[in-house]
Amino acid sequence: MIEPSLFQEMRINEKGAFADKVLAKANPYGEKDADMKSLIDDANTKNQIFGKALEKLSLVAITKLMHEGDDLRDGGISNLEGYALSCSKRKDPVWAAAGQEVVNALRAIGWNMNYRGNKEETKLVDLFLAQIEAQPTLKQALTTISAQGWIDEIREGQASYKLHDAQREAADKPGGSITSREAARELGVAIDKLFRYVNFQIEFKDSADCTALANEINKTIAEYRVTMRQRATTSQKKGKK
């Protein structure tokens, strides 16, 4: 018989790992038993939803990093525009020409591009950075007026924004609006149904396959019981200090 798993007492990050191990052991047995396979498939689906819900826990942190990247590139663009415009008015003709070259490049792509929507801004910044690499005269003009620092900030902010925007999009996919707590509860219910089915087959039908599966699952349960027992002991010791 499958022993009580104490699933509800596990930490949120332990539940998915526990489900992964249990379902990996159960999957082969489901190929021999259609009713068991249905329960395993349901638990697998609930486990996937739980995984997606867990990913969403990091959305706030990802979004914060995305905004920081946007702020960095916005500041770089704004400062570069103001600086290049000032350089274009310098008395030194070399500096003035270089400054005007940069101003012209920025205006051709989109002056104040940092005030556009994030999607459009990202596209325009990519175009500007590509243009710098494609046009030696523009690259030299930026060097002449010592503007590389602003370019570095724009490049760094753009890379950070794009990275975290992609991460947020990936984390925001299927799993719906369900919370991690709700998903964990539904996963627990699905696993409990599977365990009750296995125990029923052992108790009333003396199933050899279910007995073998129960023995394998009990080993995993025992591992988690040790972890929880050790954690409880540590917590008690800290409480006495």
C-alpha atoms as a PDB file:
ATOM      1  CA  MET A   1       0.000   0.000   0.000  1.00  0.00           C
ATOM      2  CA  ILE A   2       1.148   3.555  -0.667  1.00  0.00           C
ATOM      3  CA  GLU A   3       1.970   5.374   2.554  1.00  0.00           C
ATOM      4  CA  PRO A   4       0.590   8.900   3.257  1.00  0.00           C
ATOM      5  CA  SER A   5       2.767  11.308   1.273  1.00  0.00           C
ATOM      6  CA  LEU A   6       2.273  14.446   3.399  1.00  0.00           C
ATOM      7  CA  PHE A   7       2.066  16.339   0.096  1.00  0.00           C
ATOM      8  CA  GLN A   8       0.232  19.272   1.683  1.00  0.00           C
ATOM      9  CA  GLU A   9       3.028  19.760   4.191  1.00  0.00           C
ATOM     10  CA  MET A  10       5.747  19.996   1.547  1.00  0.00           C
ATOM     11  CA  ARG A  11       7.179  23.331   0.565  1.00  0.00           C
ATOM     12  CA  ILE A  12       5.881  24.813  -2.668  1.00  0.00           C
ATOM     13  CA  ASN A  13       9.112  24.128  -4.549  1.00  0.00           C
ATOM     14  CA  GLU A  14       9.184  20.508  -3.304  1.00  0.00           C
ATOM     15  CA  LYS A  15       5.734  19.590  -4.575  1.00  0.00           C
ATOM     16  CA  GLY A  16       6.598  19.759  -8.249  1.00  0.00           C
ATOM     17  CA  ALA A  17       9.784  17.735  -7.783  1.00  0.00           C
ATOM     18  CA  PHE A  18       7.868  15.125  -5.787  1.00  0.00           C
ATOM     19  CA  ALA A  19       5.189  14.898  -8.487  1.00  0.00           C
ATOM     20  CA  ASP A  20       7.869  14.563 -11.187  1.00  0.00           C
ATOM     21  CA  LYS A  21       9.442  11.581  -9.410  1.00  0.00           C
ATOM     22  CA  VAL A  22       6.147   9.858  -8.618  1.00  0.00           C
ATOM     23  CA  LEU A  23       4.752  10.265 -12.123  1.00  0.00           C
ATOM     24  CA  ALA A  24       7.999   9.112 -13.727  1.00  0.00           C
ATOM     25  CA  LYS A  25       7.615   5.868 -11.756  1.00  0.00           C
ATOM     26  CA  ALA A  26       3.898   5.548 -12.514  1.00  0.00           C
ATOM     27  CA  ASN A  27       4.017   6.257 -16.260  1.00  0.00           C
ATOM     28  CA  PRO A  28       5.224   2.766 -17.333  1.00  0.00           C
ATOM     29  CA  TYR A  29       2.495   1.065 -15.281  1.00  0.00           C
ATOM     30  CA  GLY A  30      -0.153   3.233 -16.907  1.00  0.00           C
ATOM     31  CA  GLU A  31       0.636   1.642 -20.254  1.00  0.00           C
ATOM     32  CA  LYS A  32      -0.770  -1.642 -18.902  1.00  0.00           C
ATOM     33  CA  ASP A  33      -3.860  -0.174 -17.208  1.00  0.00           C
ATOM     34  CA  ALA A  34      -6.170   2.249 -19.055  1.00  0.00           C
ATOM     35  CA  ASP A  35      -7.888   3.469 -15.884  1.00  0.00           C
ATOM     36  CA  MET A  36      -4.570   4.153 -14.202  1.00  0.00           C
ATOM     37  CA  LYS A  37      -3.285   5.899 -17.326  1.00  0.00           C
ATOM     38  CA  SER A  38      -6.235   8.289 -17.240  1.00  0.00           C
ATOM     39  CA  LEU A  39      -5.378   9.241 -13.654  1.00  0.00           C
ATOM     40  CA  ILE A  40      -1.671   9.578 -14.499  1.00  0.00           C
ATOM     41  CA  ASP A  41      -2.453  11.784 -17.509  1.00  0.00           C
ATOM     42  CA  ASP A  42      -4.619  14.022 -15.338  1.00  0.00           C
ATOM     43  CA  ALA A  43      -1.856  14.307 -12.741  1.00  0.00           C
ATOM     44  CA  ASN A  44       0.700  15.066 -15.459  1.00  0.00           C
ATOM     45  CA  THR A  45      -1.511  17.855 -16.795  1.00  0.00           C
ATOM     46  CA  LYS A  46      -2.015  19.292 -13.305  1.00  0.00           C
ATOM     47  CA  ASN A  47       1.754  19.101 -12.748  1.00  0.00           C
ATOM     48  CA  GLN A  48       2.418  21.077 -15.932  1.00  0.00           C
ATOM     49  CA  ILE A  49      -0.087  23.736 -14.883  1.00  0.00           C
ATOM     50  CA  PHE A  50       1.562  23.879 -11.456  1.00  0.00           C
ATOM     51  CA  GLY A  51       4.952  24.377 -13.113  1.00  0.00           C
ATOM     52  CA  LYS A  52       3.597  27.284 -15.160  1.00  0.00           C
ATOM     53  CA  ALA A  53       2.001  28.821 -12.075  1.00  0.00           C
ATOM     54  CA  LEU A  54       5.341  28.621 -10.256  1.00  0.00           C
ATOM     55  CA  GLU A  55       7.070  30.396 -13.136  1.00  0.00           C
ATOM     56  CA  LYS A  56       4.616  33.255 -12.696  1.00  0.00           C
ATOM     57  CA  LEU A  57       5.883  33.813  -9.164  1.00  0.00           C
ATOM     58  CA  SER A  58       8.962  35.376 -10.712  1.00  0.00           C
ATOM     59  CA  LEU A  59       7.006  37.705 -12.998  1.00  0.00           C
ATOM     60  CA  VAL A  60       7.259  40.652 -10.623  1.00  0.00           C
ATOM     61  CA  ALA A  61      11.039  40.326 -10.407  1.00  0.00           C
ATOM     62  CA  ILE A  62      11.367  39.847 -14.173  1.00  0.00           C
ATOM     63  CA  THR A  63       9.181  42.867 -14.899  1.00  0.00           C
ATOM     64  CA  LYS A  64      11.245  44.991 -12.500  1.00  0.00           C
ATOM     65  CA  LEU A  65      14.453  44.041 -14.329  1.00  0.00           C
ATOM     66  CA  MET A  66      12.779  44.732 -17.669  1.00  0.00           C
ATOM     67  CA  HIS A  67      11.818  48.244 -16.517  1.00  0.00           C
ATOM     68  CA  GLU A  68      15.342  48.847 -15.241  1.00  0.00           C
ATOM     69  CA  GLY A  69      16.722  47.926 -18.659  1.00  0.00           C
ATOM     70  CA  ASP A  70      14.223  50.263 -20.321  1.00  0.00           C
ATOM     71  CA  ASP A  71      15.175  53.105 -17.966  1.00  0.00           C
ATOM     72  CA  LEU A  72      18.864  52.565 -18.724  1.00  0.00           C
ATOM     73  CA  ARG A  73      18.434  52.712 -22.488  1.00  0.00           C
ATOM     74  CA  ASP A  74      15.986  55.660 -22.183  1.00  0.00           C
ATOM     75  CA  GLY A  75      18.557  57.623 -20.219  1.00  0.00           C
ATOM     76  CA  GLY A  76      21.279  56.743 -22.699  1.00  0.00           C
ATOM     77  CA  ILE A  77      19.185  57.894 -25.656  1.00  0.00           C
ATOM     78  CA  SER A  78      18.103  61.124 -23.988  1.00  0.00           C
ATOM     79  CA  ASN A  79      21.629  62.010 -22.908  1.00  0.00           C
ATOM     80  CA  LEU A  80      23.126  61.100 -26.285  1.00  0.00           C
ATOM     81  CA  GLU A  81      20.617  63.301 -28.123  1.00  0.00           C
ATOM     82  CA  GLY A  82      21.261  66.288 -25.862  1.00  0.00           C
ATOM     83  CA  TYR A  83      25.023  65.775 -25.907  1.00  0.00           C
ATOM     84  CA  ALA A  84      25.249  65.319 -29.696  1.00  0.00           C
ATOM     85  CA  LEU A  85      23.116  68.424 -30.228  1.00  0.00           C
ATOM     86  CA  SER A  86      25.426  70.425 -27.976  1.00  0.00           C
ATOM     87  CA  CYS A  87      28.500  69.112 -29.800  1.00  0.00           C
ATOM     88  CA  SER A  88      26.993  70.115 -33.149  1.00  0.00           C
ATOM     89  CA  LYS A  89      27.131  73.725 -31.929  1.00  0.00           C
ATOM     90  CA  ARG A  90      30.767  73.616 -30.846  1.00  0.00           C
ATOM     91  CA  LYS A  91      33.182  76.158 -32.329  1.00  0.00           C
ATOM     92  CA  ASP A  92      35.585  73.363 -33.226  1.00  0.00           C
ATOM     93  CA  PRO A  93      34.513  72.344 -36.778  1.00  0.00           C
ATOM     94  CA  VAL A  94      35.585  68.723 -36.282  1.00  0.00           C
ATOM     95  CA  TRP A  95      33.461  68.351 -33.153  1.00  0.00           C
ATOM     96  CA  ALA A  96      30.583  70.260 -34.735  1.00  0.00           C
ATOM     97  CA  ALA A  97      30.588  68.035 -37.827  1.00  0.00           C
ATOM     98  CA  ALA A  98      30.794  64.868 -35.738  1.00  0.00           C
ATOM     99  CA  GLY A  99      28.011  66.044 -33.446  1.00  0.00           C
ATOM    100  CA  GLN A 100      25.810  66.879 -36.428  1.00  0.00           C
ATOM    101  CA  GLU A 101      26.501  63.440 -37.929  1.00  0.00           C
ATOM    102  CA  VAL A 102      25.176  61.791 -34.792  1.00  0.00           C
ATOM    103  CA  VAL A 103      22.179  64.139 -34.610  1.00  0.00           C
ATOM    104  CA  ASN A 104      21.314  63.395 -38.234  1.00  0.00           C
ATOM    105  CA  ALA A 105      21.521  59.631 -37.628  1.00  0.00           C
ATOM    106  CA  LEU A 106      19.259  59.870 -34.574  1.00  0.00           C
ATOM    107  CA  ARG A 107      16.727  62.035 -36.390  1.00  0.00           C
ATOM    108  CA  ALA A 108      16.672  59.731 -39.401  1.00  0.00           C
ATOM    109  CA  ILE A 109      15.702  56.805 -37.195  1.00  0.00           C
ATOM    110  CA  GLY A 110      13.453  58.673 -34.777  1.00  0.00           C
ATOM    111  CA  TRP A 111      14.292  61.555 -32.478  1.00  0.00           C
ATOM    112  CA  ASN A 112      13.035  60.989 -28.943  1.00  0.00           C
ATOM    113  CA  MET A 113      12.660  57.282 -29.716  1.00  0.00           C
ATOM    114  CA  ASN A 114      12.703  56.690 -25.961  1.00  0.00           C
ATOM    115  CA  TYR A 115       9.229  58.233 -25.770  1.00  0.00           C
ATOM    116  CA  ARG A 116       7.743  55.676 -28.144  1.00  0.00           C
ATOM    117  CA  GLY A 117       5.985  52.524 -27.026  1.00  0.00           C
ATOM    118  CA  ASN A 118       8.361  49.836 -25.790  1.00  0.00           C
ATOM    119  CA  LYS A 119       7.858  47.617 -28.832  1.00  0.00           C
ATOM    120  CA  GLU A 120       8.570  50.412 -31.297  1.00  0.00           C
ATOM    121  CA  GLU A 121      11.437  51.776 -29.208  1.00  0.00           C
ATOM    122  CA  THR A 122      13.083  48.353 -29.131  1.00  0.00           C
ATOM    123  CA  LYS A 123      12.885  48.145 -32.926  1.00  0.00           C
ATOM    124  CA  LEU A 124      14.307  51.656 -33.405  1.00  0.00           C
ATOM    125  CA  VAL A 125      17.146  51.118 -30.935  1.00  0.00           C
ATOM    126  CA  ASP A 126      18.094  47.915 -32.753  1.00  0.00           C
ATOM    127  CA  LEU A 127      18.173  49.875 -36.012  1.00  0.00           C
ATOM    128  CA  PHE A 128      20.344  52.606 -34.503  1.00  0.00           C
ATOM    129  CA  LEU A 129      22.826  50.151 -32.972  1.00  0.00           C
ATOM    130  CA  ALA A 130      23.023  48.239 -36.267  1.00  0.00           C
ATOM    131  CA  GLN A 131      23.595  51.485 -38.127  1.00  0.00           C
ATOM    132  CA  ILE A 132      26.558  52.328 -35.913  1.00  0.00           C
ATOM    133  CA  GLU A 133      28.231  49.056 -36.880  1.00  0.00           C
ATOM    134  CA  ALA A 134      27.307  49.451 -40.562  1.00  0.00           C
ATOM    135  CA  GLN A 135      28.453  53.056 -40.979  1.00  0.00           C
ATOM    136  CA  PRO A 136      32.144  53.736 -40.200  1.00  0.00           C
ATOM    137  CA  THR A 137      31.622  57.504 -40.416  1.00  0.00           C
ATOM    138  CA  LEU A 138      28.929  57.417 -37.741  1.00  0.00           C
ATOM    139  CA  LYS A 139      31.067  55.197 -35.552  1.00  0.00           C
ATOM    140  CA  GLN A 140      33.979  57.598 -35.939  1.00  0.00           C
ATOM    141  CA  ALA A 141      31.744  60.580 -35.180  1.00  0.00           C
ATOM    142  CA  LEU A 142      30.709  58.990 -31.882  1.00  0.00           C
ATOM    143  CA  THR A 143      34.362  58.378 -31.058  1.00  0.00           C
ATOM    144  CA  THR A 144      35.275  61.964 -31.945  1.00  0.00           C
ATOM    145  CA  ILE A 145      32.786  63.442 -29.499  1.00  0.00           C
ATOM    146  CA  SER A 146      33.590  60.783 -26.860  1.00  0.00           C
ATOM    147  CA  ALA A 147      29.997  59.494 -26.781  1.00  0.00           C
ATOM    148  CA  GLN A 148      30.777  55.799 -26.409  1.00  0.00           C
ATOM    149  CA  GLY A 149      29.637  55.826 -22.786  1.00  0.00           C
ATOM    150  CA  TRP A 150      26.074  56.698 -23.835  1.00  0.00           C
ATOM    151  CA  ILE A 151      26.157  54.016 -26.533  1.00  0.00           C
ATOM    152  CA  ASP A 152      27.284  51.448 -23.978  1.00  0.00           C
ATOM    153  CA  GLU A 153      24.333  52.353 -21.729  1.00  0.00           C
ATOM    154  CA  ILE A 154      21.878  52.135 -24.617  1.00  0.00           C
ATOM    155  CA  ARG A 155      23.302  48.771 -25.679  1.00  0.00           C
ATOM    156  CA  GLU A 156      23.290  47.375 -22.126  1.00  0.00           C
ATOM    157  CA  GLY A 157      19.760  48.609 -21.424  1.00  0.00           C
ATOM    158  CA  GLN A 158      18.478  47.253 -24.731  1.00  0.00           C
ATOM    159  CA  ALA A 159      19.976  43.809 -24.114  1.00  0.00           C
ATOM    160  CA  SER A 160      18.551  43.691 -20.586  1.00  0.00           C
ATOM    161  CA  TYR A 161      15.104  44.832 -21.711  1.00  0.00           C
ATOM    162  CA  LYS A 162      14.903  42.286 -24.532  1.00  0.00           C
ATOM    163  CA  LEU A 163      16.135  39.436 -22.345  1.00  0.00           C
ATOM    164  CA  HIS A 164      13.660  40.049 -19.539  1.00  0.00           C
ATOM    165  CA  ASP A 165      10.806  40.857 -21.907  1.00  0.00           C
ATOM    166  CA  ALA A 166      11.313  37.431 -23.506  1.00  0.00           C
ATOM    167  CA  GLN A 167      11.466  35.802 -20.063  1.00  0.00           C
ATOM    168  CA  ARG A 168       8.240  37.502 -19.006  1.00  0.00           C
ATOM    169  CA  GLU A 169       6.477  36.404 -22.171  1.00  0.00           C
ATOM    170  CA  ALA A 170       7.616  32.815 -21.657  1.00  0.00           C
ATOM    171  CA  ALA A 171       6.513  32.835 -18.016  1.00  0.00           C
ATOM    172  CA  ASP A 172       3.134  34.313 -18.920  1.00  0.00           C
ATOM    173  CA  LYS A 173       2.036  31.478 -21.183  1.00  0.00           C
ATOM    174  CA  PRO A 174      -0.577  28.725 -20.576  1.00  0.00           C
ATOM    175  CA  GLY A 175      -1.506  27.945 -17.054  1.00  0.00           C
ATOM    176  CA  GLY A 176      -4.175  30.608 -17.180  1.00  0.00           C
ATOM    177  CA  SER A 177      -4.667  32.898 -14.218  1.00  0.00           C
ATOM    178  CA  ILE A 178      -4.477  30.082 -11.659  1.00  0.00           C
ATOM    179  CA  THR A 179      -2.285  30.800  -8.630  1.00  0.00           C
ATOM    180  CA  SER A 180       0.522  28.512  -7.517  1.00  0.00           C
ATOM    181  CA  ARG A 181      -1.438  27.636  -4.361  1.00  0.00           C
ATOM    182  CA  GLU A 182      -4.531  26.657  -6.343  1.00  0.00           C
ATOM    183  CA  ALA A 183      -2.427  24.688  -8.822  1.00  0.00           C
ATOM    184  CA  ALA A 184      -0.642  22.872  -5.975  1.00  0.00           C
ATOM    185  CA  ARG A 185      -3.989  21.950  -4.406  1.00  0.00           C
ATOM    186  CA  GLU A 186      -5.295  20.537  -7.697  1.00  0.00           C
ATOM    187  CA  LEU A 187      -2.054  18.645  -8.253  1.00  0.00           C
ATOM    188  CA  GLY A 188      -2.349  17.179  -4.757  1.00  0.00           C
ATOM    189  CA  VAL A 189      -5.922  16.044  -5.462  1.00  0.00           C
ATOM    190  CA  ALA A 190      -4.839  14.379  -8.724  1.00  0.00           C
ATOM    191  CA  ILE A 191      -1.962  12.539  -7.033  1.00  0.00           C
ATOM    192  CA  ASP A 192      -4.236  11.457  -4.180  1.00  0.00           C
ATOM    193  CA  LYS A 193      -6.711   9.982  -6.682  1.00  0.00           C
ATOM    194  CA  LEU A 194      -3.906   8.022  -8.309  1.00  0.00           C
ATOM    195  CA  PHE A 195      -2.674   6.735  -4.949  1.00  0.00           C
ATOM    196  CA  ARG A 196      -6.182   5.700  -3.876  1.00  0.00           C
ATOM    197  CA  TYR A 197      -6.643   3.817  -7.129  1.00  0.00           C
ATOM    198  CA  VAL A 198      -3.358   1.944  -6.662  1.00  0.00           C
ATOM    199  CA  ASN A 199      -4.240   1.087  -3.056  1.00  0.00           C
ATOM    200  CA  PHE A 200      -7.689  -0.120  -4.127  1.00  0.00           C
ATOM    201  CA  GLN A 201      -6.132  -2.451  -6.697  1.00  0.00           C
ATOM    202  CA  ILE A 202      -3.790  -3.843  -4.047  1.00  0.00           C
ATOM    203  CA  GLU A 203      -6.403  -4.272  -1.328  1.00  0.00           C
ATOM    204  CA  PHE A 204      -9.267  -5.710  -3.368  1.00  0.00           C
ATOM    205  CA  LYS A 205      -7.569  -7.241  -6.417  1.00  0.00           C
ATOM    206  CA  ASP A 206      -4.150  -8.132  -5.049  1.00  0.00           C
ATOM    207  CA  SER A 207      -2.519  -6.502  -8.107  1.00  0.00           C
ATOM    208  CA  ALA A 208       1.151  -7.419  -8.396  1.00  0.00           C
ATOM    209  CA  ASP A 209       1.874  -4.434 -10.662  1.00  0.00           C
ATOM    210  CA  CYS A 210       0.244  -1.992  -8.248  1.00  0.00           C
ATOM    211  CA  THR A 211       2.143  -3.548  -5.345  1.00  0.00           C
ATOM    212  CA  ALA A 212       5.406  -3.063  -7.225  1.00  0.00           C
ATOM    213  CA  LEU A 213       4.482   0.539  -8.059  1.00  0.00           C
ATOM    214  CA  ALA A 214       3.488   1.222  -4.442  1.00  0.00           C
ATOM    215  CA  ASN A 215       6.869  -0.039  -3.246  1.00  0.00           C
ATOM    216  CA  GLU A 216       8.667   2.295  -5.665  1.00  0.00           C
ATOM    217  CA  ILE A 217       6.541   5.297  -4.712  1.00  0.00           C
ATOM    218  CA  ASN A 218       7.016   4.582  -0.994  1.00  0.00           C
ATOM    219  CA  LYS A 219      10.772   4.963  -1.465  1.00  0.00           C
ATOM    220  CA  THR A 220      10.236   8.485  -2.811  1.00  0.00           C
ATOM    221  CA  ILE A 221       7.786   9.296  -0.009  1.00  0.00           C
ATOM    222  CA  ALA A 222      10.341   8.090   2.531  1.00  0.00           C
ATOM    223  CA  GLU A 223      12.978  10.443   1.080  1.00  0.00           C
ATOM    224  CA  TYR A 224      10.685  13.446   1.490  1.00  0.00           C
ATOM    225  CA  ARG A 225       9.648  12.366   4.984  1.00  0.00           C
ATOM    226  CA  VAL A 226      13.323  12.438   6.000  1.00  0.00           C
ATOM    227  CA  THR A 227      13.714  15.935   4.549  1.00  0.00           C
ATOM    228  CA  MET A 228      10.638  17.240   6.366  1.00  0.00           C
ATOM    229  CA  ARG A 229      11.669  15.575   9.610  1.00  0.00           C
ATOM    230  CA  GLN A 230      15.124  17.150   9.427  1.00  0.00           C
ATOM    231  CA  ARG A 231      13.582  20.537   8.697  1.00  0.00           C
ATOM    232  CA  ALA A 232      11.232  20.229  11.662  1.00  0.00           C
ATOM    233  CA  THR A 233      14.143  19.314  13.941  1.00  0.00           C
ATOM    234  CA  THR A 234      16.162  22.292  12.745  1.00  0.00           C
ATOM    235  CA  SER A 235      13.188  24.590  13.269  1.00  0.00           C
ATOM    236  CA  GLN A 236      12.694  23.317  16.825  1.00  0.00           C
ATOM    237  CA  LYS A 237      16.355  23.884  17.662  1.00  0.00           C
ATOM    238  CA  LYS A 238      16.191  27.445  16.377  1.00  0.00           C
ATOM    239  CA  GLY A 239      13.051  28.027  18.439  1.00  0.00           C
ATOM    240  CA  LYS A 240      14.824  27.003  21.628  1.00  0.00           C
ATOM    241  CA  LYS A 241      17.720  29.417  21.073  1.00  0.00           C
END
